[in-house]
Amino acid sequence: MLRAYEPAMTQPLPVSIIVTLRPLDGNPNVRADGIRALTQTNWVHTSLTVRAPVRV
């Protein structure tokens, strides 16, 4: 929604959503099922690295 008297946007606003999948019932396939559901609905998904080196 735009504020009153705000001009309409000419470009779409980039948005990112971070989702963490964790089974509540011990289902080991929850991640695969979640990725499959995202793919079926044309969501773009990218796996993030679990470890990132930190130089001090």
Protein backbone atom coordinates (compact mmCIF):
# COMPACT_ATOMS: atom_id res chain seq x y z
CA MET A 1 0.00 0.00 0.00
CA LEU A 2 1.23 3.49 -0.79
CA ARG A 3 0.93 6.47 1.52
CA ALA A 4 -1.48 9.24 0.65
CA TYR A 5 -0.20 11.41 -2.21
CA GLU A 6 2.78 9.08 -2.80
CA PRO A 7 3.50 8.50 -6.50
CA ALA A 8 3.08 5.00 -7.87
CA MET A 9 6.24 2.91 -8.03
CA THR A 10 7.74 2.47 -11.48
CA GLN A 11 9.90 -0.53 -10.51
CA PRO A 12 9.01 -3.53 -8.35
CA LEU A 13 10.41 -3.48 -4.85
CA PRO A 14 12.98 -6.28 -4.27
CA VAL A 15 12.07 -8.49 -1.33
CA SER A 16 13.87 -11.40 0.32
CA ILE A 17 12.35 -13.97 2.64
CA ILE A 18 14.49 -16.32 4.71
CA VAL A 19 12.79 -19.55 5.77
CA THR A 20 14.16 -22.20 8.10
CA LEU A 21 12.55 -25.63 7.87
CA ARG A 22 12.56 -27.86 10.93
CA PRO A 23 10.40 -30.95 11.46
CA LEU A 24 8.17 -30.89 14.53
CA ASP A 25 7.34 -34.59 14.22
CA GLY A 26 10.82 -35.94 13.36
CA ASN A 27 10.06 -36.19 9.62
CA PRO A 28 13.50 -36.31 7.91
CA ASN A 29 11.95 -35.27 4.56
CA VAL A 30 10.65 -31.88 5.71
CA ARG A 31 13.39 -29.97 3.85
CA ALA A 32 12.88 -31.87 0.58
CA ASP A 33 9.10 -31.43 0.87
CA GLY A 34 9.51 -27.69 1.50
CA ILE A 35 11.86 -27.21 -1.46
CA ARG A 36 9.48 -29.18 -3.67
CA ALA A 37 6.54 -26.99 -2.59
CA LEU A 38 8.52 -23.81 -3.32
CA THR A 39 9.53 -25.10 -6.75
CA GLN A 40 5.94 -26.04 -7.63
CA THR A 41 4.80 -22.48 -6.89
CA ASN A 42 7.65 -20.91 -8.93
CA TRP A 43 9.45 -19.42 -5.93
CA VAL A 44 13.16 -18.84 -6.44
CA HIS A 45 15.15 -20.57 -3.74
CA THR A 46 18.83 -20.47 -2.86
CA SER A 47 20.45 -22.53 -0.15
CA LEU A 48 22.65 -20.55 2.20
CA THR A 49 26.00 -21.90 3.32
CA VAL A 50 25.98 -23.38 6.79
CA ARG A 51 29.51 -22.29 7.57
CA ALA A 52 31.22 -19.10 6.56
CA PRO A 53 34.90 -18.51 7.31
CA VAL A 54 35.57 -15.45 9.44
CA ARG A 55 38.97 -13.81 9.22
CA VAL A 56 40.07 -11.93 12.29
